[in-house]
Amino acid sequence: MIMVAVKGATVADMEVVTVARKYYLLFGTFAIALLFAGCSFSNLSSDTDRDGVANFKDVCKATPVGAQVDKQGCALDSDFDGVIDLYDKCPGSTASELVNQDGCTKATL
């Protein structure tokens, strides 16, 4: 084993290099790239908000349970009124109409 001292390196830096070396021996350079990007094999498939989109691709990290989502993990708003479909009680409104928290206009109330 070759040891190299790097000015300013911390113990944590050395631990990352040690872990990266172990992954390299098992999986090759791809694993090192993931480790230095702040990823690990365990969090590549994790989905904290359980919306079906893995955390590393999820733009909206706290999607409400039961909401349908797009490829980025964001809740759908089919009528673009600012109220996601899960909570939208008046799904036919348009983006130009003012709606309340239920997605309804004054005319539909």
Foldseek 3Di string as FASTA:
>chain_A
DDDDDDPPDDPVNVVLVVVLVVVCVVPNPVQNVQSVVVHHPVQQADQVCPQPAGPVQAPDNNEHPPFHADNNNHGDLPQCCPAGPVQAPPNPDHVPAHDDNNNHHPVVD
